[in-house]
Amino acid sequence: MSSLSERLLHALLDTLLMIGASSLVVLAVGLPLALVLVTTGPGGIFQALPLNRVLGSVVNVLRSIPFLILMVALIPFTRLIVGTSYGVWAAVVPLTLAATPFFARIAEVSLREVDHGLVEAAQAMGCQRRHIVWNVLLPEARPGIVGGFTITLVTMINSSAMAGAIGAGGLGDLAYRYGYQRFDTQVMLTVIIVLVLLVTLIQFGGDRLARWLNKRG
């Protein structure tokens, strides 16, 4: 295997590790956060407006910070969590904090689009509120949530490339160190092609899954 192929494979694995670890946390935190935002809002089944306003404000603040600035600002926190501010695992922290509020807002939109009549019907039949969440809101919003998570993954790939350019490793690091700094057009084009293929594959898979869930619903 050529030197470029070895570097490319290693960089791709680093990028997949970054995205994979971050996406698991984003899904585990972002979806419950979206549920809280929906159910505690005006007319929600767990209405709690003060909590809703506080969480909404935190989400809006985090979403408004550009990723590059957020990553630099989080260096002390990142070092505290993973023990370093350099490398793949150091990138997981800012990637997660940047993508979680983004996904939470997208999932929130999907959850709000669930027909309110279904919720009212479930309440009329005496369903407990937690059952409404699990048996009405989440099943009905699944296609939109999957579509939103797919968009989030694509955004995270873009951010991981940016993180790689300043020391996080992955495809961005390969493109910057071996392509940009060494004026190697072949490396740059190869990384771009790999990123395009990766994004296309994720988008295709996410769209197919969303359509399948929509048909099942």
C-alpha atoms as a PDB file:
ATOM      1  CA  MET A   1       0.000   0.000   0.000  1.00  0.00           C
ATOM      2  CA  SER A   2       1.386   3.383  -0.969  1.00  0.00           C
ATOM      3  CA  SER A   3       2.237   6.031   1.571  1.00  0.00           C
ATOM      4  CA  LEU A   4      -0.699   8.209   0.472  1.00  0.00           C
ATOM      5  CA  SER A   5      -3.117   5.287   0.721  1.00  0.00           C
ATOM      6  CA  GLU A   6      -1.911   4.467   4.221  1.00  0.00           C
ATOM      7  CA  ARG A   7      -2.284   8.066   5.359  1.00  0.00           C
ATOM      8  CA  LEU A   8      -5.703   8.297   3.724  1.00  0.00           C
ATOM      9  CA  LEU A   9      -6.969   5.123   5.389  1.00  0.00           C
ATOM     10  CA  HIS A  10      -5.664   6.237   8.784  1.00  0.00           C
ATOM     11  CA  ALA A  11      -7.216   9.697   8.366  1.00  0.00           C
ATOM     12  CA  LEU A  12     -10.554   8.194   7.295  1.00  0.00           C
ATOM     13  CA  LEU A  13     -10.618   5.904  10.335  1.00  0.00           C
ATOM     14  CA  ASP A  14      -9.836   8.866  12.598  1.00  0.00           C
ATOM     15  CA  THR A  15     -12.683  10.862  11.045  1.00  0.00           C
ATOM     16  CA  LEU A  16     -15.106   7.953  11.419  1.00  0.00           C
ATOM     17  CA  LEU A  17     -14.046   7.549  15.057  1.00  0.00           C
ATOM     18  CA  MET A  18     -14.617  11.258  15.713  1.00  0.00           C
ATOM     19  CA  ILE A  19     -18.019  11.246  14.070  1.00  0.00           C
ATOM     20  CA  GLY A  20     -19.072   7.907  15.525  1.00  0.00           C
ATOM     21  CA  ALA A  21     -18.249   8.749  19.132  1.00  0.00           C
ATOM     22  CA  SER A  22     -19.710  12.243  18.885  1.00  0.00           C
ATOM     23  CA  SER A  23     -22.894  11.133  17.130  1.00  0.00           C
ATOM     24  CA  LEU A  24     -23.730   8.587  19.828  1.00  0.00           C
ATOM     25  CA  VAL A  25     -23.592  11.294  22.493  1.00  0.00           C
ATOM     26  CA  VAL A  26     -25.478  13.753  20.276  1.00  0.00           C
ATOM     27  CA  LEU A  27     -28.299  11.254  19.786  1.00  0.00           C
ATOM     28  CA  ALA A  28     -28.375  10.241  23.447  1.00  0.00           C
ATOM     29  CA  VAL A  29     -28.524  13.863  24.662  1.00  0.00           C
ATOM     30  CA  GLY A  30     -30.096  15.764  21.770  1.00  0.00           C
ATOM     31  CA  LEU A  31     -33.250  13.667  21.411  1.00  0.00           C
ATOM     32  CA  PRO A  32     -34.217  13.819  25.119  1.00  0.00           C
ATOM     33  CA  LEU A  33     -33.449  17.538  25.027  1.00  0.00           C
ATOM     34  CA  ALA A  34     -35.811  17.953  22.075  1.00  0.00           C
ATOM     35  CA  LEU A  35     -38.496  16.025  23.942  1.00  0.00           C
ATOM     36  CA  VAL A  36     -38.103  18.282  26.969  1.00  0.00           C
ATOM     37  CA  LEU A  37     -38.318  21.396  24.801  1.00  0.00           C
ATOM     38  CA  VAL A  38     -41.529  20.153  23.168  1.00  0.00           C
ATOM     39  CA  THR A  39     -43.293  18.748  26.208  1.00  0.00           C
ATOM     40  CA  THR A  40     -42.478  21.661  28.545  1.00  0.00           C
ATOM     41  CA  GLY A  41     -43.471  24.364  26.057  1.00  0.00           C
ATOM     42  CA  PRO A  42     -46.840  26.144  25.855  1.00  0.00           C
ATOM     43  CA  GLY A  43     -49.573  23.518  25.705  1.00  0.00           C
ATOM     44  CA  GLY A  44     -47.094  20.692  26.257  1.00  0.00           C
ATOM     45  CA  ILE A  45     -48.020  17.619  28.264  1.00  0.00           C
ATOM     46  CA  PHE A  46     -45.397  18.524  30.897  1.00  0.00           C
ATOM     47  CA  GLN A  47     -45.779  22.295  30.554  1.00  0.00           C
ATOM     48  CA  ALA A  48     -43.080  24.122  32.527  1.00  0.00           C
ATOM     49  CA  LEU A  49     -42.458  27.460  30.870  1.00  0.00           C
ATOM     50  CA  PRO A  50     -39.532  28.666  33.071  1.00  0.00           C
ATOM     51  CA  LEU A  51     -37.586  25.444  32.373  1.00  0.00           C
ATOM     52  CA  ASN A  52     -38.467  25.663  28.687  1.00  0.00           C
ATOM     53  CA  ARG A  53     -37.186  29.234  28.429  1.00  0.00           C
ATOM     54  CA  VAL A  54     -33.914  28.423  30.195  1.00  0.00           C
ATOM     55  CA  LEU A  55     -33.202  25.357  28.050  1.00  0.00           C
ATOM     56  CA  GLY A  56     -34.233  27.190  24.906  1.00  0.00           C
ATOM     57  CA  SER A  57     -31.846  30.041  25.715  1.00  0.00           C
ATOM     58  CA  VAL A  58     -28.930  27.667  26.363  1.00  0.00           C
ATOM     59  CA  VAL A  59     -29.588  25.862  23.078  1.00  0.00           C
ATOM     60  CA  ASN A  60     -29.785  29.146  21.170  1.00  0.00           C
ATOM     61  CA  VAL A  61     -26.520  30.423  22.669  1.00  0.00           C
ATOM     62  CA  LEU A  62     -24.609  27.243  21.835  1.00  0.00           C
ATOM     63  CA  ARG A  63     -26.012  27.191  18.294  1.00  0.00           C
ATOM     64  CA  SER A  64     -24.951  30.788  17.682  1.00  0.00           C
ATOM     65  CA  ILE A  65     -21.240  30.189  18.406  1.00  0.00           C
ATOM     66  CA  PRO A  66     -19.166  29.336  15.304  1.00  0.00           C
ATOM     67  CA  PHE A  67     -17.564  25.905  15.614  1.00  0.00           C
ATOM     68  CA  LEU A  68     -13.991  27.146  15.321  1.00  0.00           C
ATOM     69  CA  ILE A  69     -14.482  29.668  18.138  1.00  0.00           C
ATOM     70  CA  LEU A  70     -16.296  27.092  20.262  1.00  0.00           C
ATOM     71  CA  MET A  71     -13.481  24.583  19.809  1.00  0.00           C
ATOM     72  CA  VAL A  72     -10.834  27.085  20.905  1.00  0.00           C
ATOM     73  CA  ALA A  73     -12.917  28.322  23.843  1.00  0.00           C
ATOM     74  CA  LEU A  74     -13.430  24.755  25.055  1.00  0.00           C
ATOM     75  CA  ILE A  75      -9.732  23.853  25.142  1.00  0.00           C
ATOM     76  CA  PRO A  76      -9.475  23.982  28.988  1.00  0.00           C
ATOM     77  CA  PHE A  77     -12.701  21.976  29.337  1.00  0.00           C
ATOM     78  CA  THR A  78     -11.594  19.501  26.676  1.00  0.00           C
ATOM     79  CA  ARG A  79      -8.254  19.020  28.422  1.00  0.00           C
ATOM     80  CA  LEU A  80     -10.129  18.406  31.687  1.00  0.00           C
ATOM     81  CA  ILE A  81     -12.416  15.795  30.119  1.00  0.00           C
ATOM     82  CA  VAL A  82     -10.051  13.797  27.889  1.00  0.00           C
ATOM     83  CA  GLY A  83      -6.655  14.872  29.219  1.00  0.00           C
ATOM     84  CA  THR A  84      -5.484  16.569  26.037  1.00  0.00           C
ATOM     85  CA  SER A  85      -6.454  19.363  23.673  1.00  0.00           C
ATOM     86  CA  TYR A  86      -4.905  17.685  20.636  1.00  0.00           C
ATOM     87  CA  GLY A  87      -5.979  14.659  18.623  1.00  0.00           C
ATOM     88  CA  VAL A  88      -9.117  12.724  17.754  1.00  0.00           C
ATOM     89  CA  TRP A  89     -10.619  12.442  21.224  1.00  0.00           C
ATOM     90  CA  ALA A  90     -10.021  16.112  21.898  1.00  0.00           C
ATOM     91  CA  ALA A  91     -12.203  16.896  18.865  1.00  0.00           C
ATOM     92  CA  VAL A  92     -15.070  14.766  20.174  1.00  0.00           C
ATOM     93  CA  VAL A  93     -15.885  17.254  22.942  1.00  0.00           C
ATOM     94  CA  PRO A  94     -16.454  20.386  20.807  1.00  0.00           C
ATOM     95  CA  LEU A  95     -18.063  18.323  18.031  1.00  0.00           C
ATOM     96  CA  THR A  96     -20.575  16.960  20.526  1.00  0.00           C
ATOM     97  CA  LEU A  97     -21.319  20.316  22.133  1.00  0.00           C
ATOM     98  CA  ALA A  98     -21.764  21.978  18.756  1.00  0.00           C
ATOM     99  CA  ALA A  99     -23.956  19.270  17.214  1.00  0.00           C
ATOM    100  CA  THR A 100     -26.211  18.499  20.195  1.00  0.00           C
ATOM    101  CA  PRO A 101     -28.197  21.777  20.195  1.00  0.00           C
ATOM    102  CA  PHE A 102     -28.299  21.693  16.388  1.00  0.00           C
ATOM    103  CA  PHE A 103     -29.864  18.230  16.381  1.00  0.00           C
ATOM    104  CA  ALA A 104     -32.126  19.064  19.321  1.00  0.00           C
ATOM    105  CA  ARG A 105     -33.717  21.933  17.374  1.00  0.00           C
ATOM    106  CA  ILE A 106     -34.213  19.788  14.265  1.00  0.00           C
ATOM    107  CA  ALA A 107     -35.749  16.963  16.301  1.00  0.00           C
ATOM    108  CA  GLU A 108     -37.905  19.504  18.129  1.00  0.00           C
ATOM    109  CA  VAL A 109     -39.395  20.651  14.805  1.00  0.00           C
ATOM    110  CA  SER A 110     -40.221  17.045  13.861  1.00  0.00           C
ATOM    111  CA  LEU A 111     -41.850  16.406  17.236  1.00  0.00           C
ATOM    112  CA  ARG A 112     -43.918  19.595  17.012  1.00  0.00           C
ATOM    113  CA  GLU A 113     -45.228  18.525  13.613  1.00  0.00           C
ATOM    114  CA  VAL A 114     -46.941  15.479  15.145  1.00  0.00           C
ATOM    115  CA  ASP A 115     -50.702  15.915  14.816  1.00  0.00           C
ATOM    116  CA  HIS A 116     -51.893  17.384  18.109  1.00  0.00           C
ATOM    117  CA  GLY A 117     -55.158  15.522  17.629  1.00  0.00           C
ATOM    118  CA  LEU A 118     -53.306  12.250  18.211  1.00  0.00           C
ATOM    119  CA  VAL A 119     -52.006  13.543  21.523  1.00  0.00           C
ATOM    120  CA  GLU A 120     -55.470  14.741  22.549  1.00  0.00           C
ATOM    121  CA  ALA A 121     -56.975  11.373  21.583  1.00  0.00           C
ATOM    122  CA  ALA A 122     -54.401   9.550  23.694  1.00  0.00           C
ATOM    123  CA  GLN A 123     -55.128  11.846  26.617  1.00  0.00           C
ATOM    124  CA  ALA A 124     -58.867  11.262  26.193  1.00  0.00           C
ATOM    125  CA  MET A 125     -58.283   7.502  26.395  1.00  0.00           C
ATOM    126  CA  GLY A 126     -56.476   7.983  29.700  1.00  0.00           C
ATOM    127  CA  CYS A 127     -52.912   7.358  28.522  1.00  0.00           C
ATOM    128  CA  GLN A 128     -50.227   8.461  30.933  1.00  0.00           C
ATOM    129  CA  ARG A 129     -47.962  11.224  29.725  1.00  0.00           C
ATOM    130  CA  ARG A 130     -44.881   9.035  29.469  1.00  0.00           C
ATOM    131  CA  HIS A 131     -46.857   6.614  27.297  1.00  0.00           C
ATOM    132  CA  ILE A 132     -47.844   9.485  25.017  1.00  0.00           C
ATOM    133  CA  VAL A 133     -44.155  10.310  24.578  1.00  0.00           C
ATOM    134  CA  TRP A 134     -43.133   6.718  23.773  1.00  0.00           C
ATOM    135  CA  ASN A 135     -46.203   5.585  21.827  1.00  0.00           C
ATOM    136  CA  VAL A 136     -47.342   8.742  20.039  1.00  0.00           C
ATOM    137  CA  LEU A 137     -44.710  11.473  19.780  1.00  0.00           C
ATOM    138  CA  LEU A 138     -41.617   9.393  19.048  1.00  0.00           C
ATOM    139  CA  PRO A 139     -43.173   6.887  16.597  1.00  0.00           C
ATOM    140  CA  GLU A 140     -44.937   9.612  14.618  1.00  0.00           C
ATOM    141  CA  ALA A 141     -41.821  11.815  14.452  1.00  0.00           C
ATOM    142  CA  ARG A 142     -39.330   9.044  13.603  1.00  0.00           C
ATOM    143  CA  PRO A 143     -38.922   9.814   9.870  1.00  0.00           C
ATOM    144  CA  GLY A 144     -38.275  13.492  10.575  1.00  0.00           C
ATOM    145  CA  ILE A 145     -35.904  12.679  13.421  1.00  0.00           C
ATOM    146  CA  VAL A 146     -33.912  10.304  11.207  1.00  0.00           C
ATOM    147  CA  GLY A 147     -33.758  12.930   8.477  1.00  0.00           C
ATOM    148  CA  GLY A 148     -32.609  15.536  10.981  1.00  0.00           C
ATOM    149  CA  PHE A 149     -29.959  13.218  12.398  1.00  0.00           C
ATOM    150  CA  THR A 150     -28.679  12.596   8.876  1.00  0.00           C
ATOM    151  CA  ILE A 151     -28.302  16.345   8.333  1.00  0.00           C
ATOM    152  CA  THR A 152     -26.528  16.564  11.691  1.00  0.00           C
ATOM    153  CA  LEU A 153     -24.055  13.846  10.687  1.00  0.00           C
ATOM    154  CA  VAL A 154     -23.232  15.678   7.456  1.00  0.00           C
ATOM    155  CA  THR A 155     -22.683  18.895   9.411  1.00  0.00           C
ATOM    156  CA  MET A 156     -20.426  17.039  11.840  1.00  0.00           C
ATOM    157  CA  ILE A 157     -18.311  15.721   8.961  1.00  0.00           C
ATOM    158  CA  ASN A 158     -17.783  19.286   7.775  1.00  0.00           C
ATOM    159  CA  SER A 159     -16.869  20.376  11.302  1.00  0.00           C
ATOM    160  CA  SER A 160     -14.508  17.431  11.786  1.00  0.00           C
ATOM    161  CA  ALA A 161     -12.601  18.471   8.669  1.00  0.00           C
ATOM    162  CA  MET A 162     -12.244  21.954  10.150  1.00  0.00           C
ATOM    163  CA  ALA A 163     -11.117  20.490  13.480  1.00  0.00           C
ATOM    164  CA  GLY A 164      -8.576  18.307  11.696  1.00  0.00           C
ATOM    165  CA  ALA A 165      -6.990  21.344  10.094  1.00  0.00           C
ATOM    166  CA  ILE A 166      -5.997  22.662  13.539  1.00  0.00           C
ATOM    167  CA  GLY A 167      -4.688  19.457  15.076  1.00  0.00           C
ATOM    168  CA  ALA A 168      -7.557  17.040  15.622  1.00  0.00           C
ATOM    169  CA  GLY A 169      -6.405  14.525  13.045  1.00  0.00           C
ATOM    170  CA  GLY A 170      -8.585  12.925  10.402  1.00  0.00           C
ATOM    171  CA  LEU A 171      -9.161  13.933   6.805  1.00  0.00           C
ATOM    172  CA  GLY A 172      -8.948  17.648   7.546  1.00  0.00           C
ATOM    173  CA  ASP A 173      -5.496  17.221   9.056  1.00  0.00           C
ATOM    174  CA  LEU A 174      -4.363  15.180   6.041  1.00  0.00           C
ATOM    175  CA  ALA A 175      -5.654  17.788   3.602  1.00  0.00           C
ATOM    176  CA  TYR A 176      -4.031  20.656   5.515  1.00  0.00           C
ATOM    177  CA  ARG A 177      -0.626  19.159   6.326  1.00  0.00           C
ATOM    178  CA  TYR A 178       0.024  17.078   3.234  1.00  0.00           C
ATOM    179  CA  GLY A 179      -2.110  18.940   0.727  1.00  0.00           C
ATOM    180  CA  TYR A 180      -2.249  22.649   1.522  1.00  0.00           C
ATOM    181  CA  GLN A 181       1.098  23.130   3.266  1.00  0.00           C
ATOM    182  CA  ARG A 182       2.995  21.013   0.733  1.00  0.00           C
ATOM    183  CA  PHE A 183       1.040  22.288  -2.292  1.00  0.00           C
ATOM    184  CA  ASP A 184       0.092  18.704  -3.175  1.00  0.00           C
ATOM    185  CA  THR A 185      -3.021  18.940  -5.340  1.00  0.00           C
ATOM    186  CA  GLN A 186      -3.401  15.166  -5.489  1.00  0.00           C
ATOM    187  CA  VAL A 187      -3.822  14.904  -1.724  1.00  0.00           C
ATOM    188  CA  MET A 188      -6.332  17.754  -1.661  1.00  0.00           C
ATOM    189  CA  LEU A 189      -8.431  16.281  -4.457  1.00  0.00           C
ATOM    190  CA  THR A 190      -8.300  12.800  -2.937  1.00  0.00           C
ATOM    191  CA  VAL A 191      -9.531  14.063   0.440  1.00  0.00           C
ATOM    192  CA  ILE A 192     -12.311  16.063  -1.224  1.00  0.00           C
ATOM    193  CA  ILE A 193     -13.466  12.984  -3.155  1.00  0.00           C
ATOM    194  CA  VAL A 194     -13.457  10.850  -0.001  1.00  0.00           C
ATOM    195  CA  LEU A 195     -15.447  13.476   1.917  1.00  0.00           C
ATOM    196  CA  VAL A 196     -17.986  13.779  -0.911  1.00  0.00           C
ATOM    197  CA  LEU A 197     -18.400   9.990  -1.044  1.00  0.00           C
ATOM    198  CA  LEU A 198     -18.759   9.794   2.741  1.00  0.00           C
ATOM    199  CA  VAL A 199     -21.404  12.516   2.824  1.00  0.00           C
ATOM    200  CA  THR A 200     -23.244  10.981  -0.133  1.00  0.00           C
ATOM    201  CA  LEU A 201     -23.297   7.562   1.508  1.00  0.00           C
ATOM    202  CA  ILE A 202     -24.619   8.918   4.795  1.00  0.00           C
ATOM    203  CA  GLN A 203     -27.231  11.082   3.086  1.00  0.00           C
ATOM    204  CA  PHE A 204     -28.393   8.193   0.904  1.00  0.00           C
ATOM    205  CA  GLY A 205     -28.650   5.807   3.855  1.00  0.00           C
ATOM    206  CA  GLY A 206     -30.464   8.346   6.017  1.00  0.00           C
ATOM    207  CA  ASP A 207     -32.953   9.207   3.275  1.00  0.00           C
ATOM    208  CA  ARG A 208     -33.705   5.543   2.602  1.00  0.00           C
ATOM    209  CA  LEU A 209     -34.242   4.828   6.299  1.00  0.00           C
ATOM    210  CA  ALA A 210     -36.512   7.867   6.698  1.00  0.00           C
ATOM    211  CA  ARG A 211     -38.623   6.807   3.690  1.00  0.00           C
ATOM    212  CA  TRP A 212     -38.878   3.255   5.039  1.00  0.00           C
ATOM    213  CA  LEU A 213     -40.022   4.485   8.441  1.00  0.00           C
ATOM    214  CA  ASN A 214     -42.516   6.812   6.782  1.00  0.00           C
ATOM    215  CA  LYS A 215     -44.043   3.910   4.832  1.00  0.00           C
ATOM    216  CA  ARG A 216     -44.256   1.786   7.961  1.00  0.00           C
ATOM    217  CA  GLY A 217     -45.986   4.620   9.794  1.00  0.00           C
END
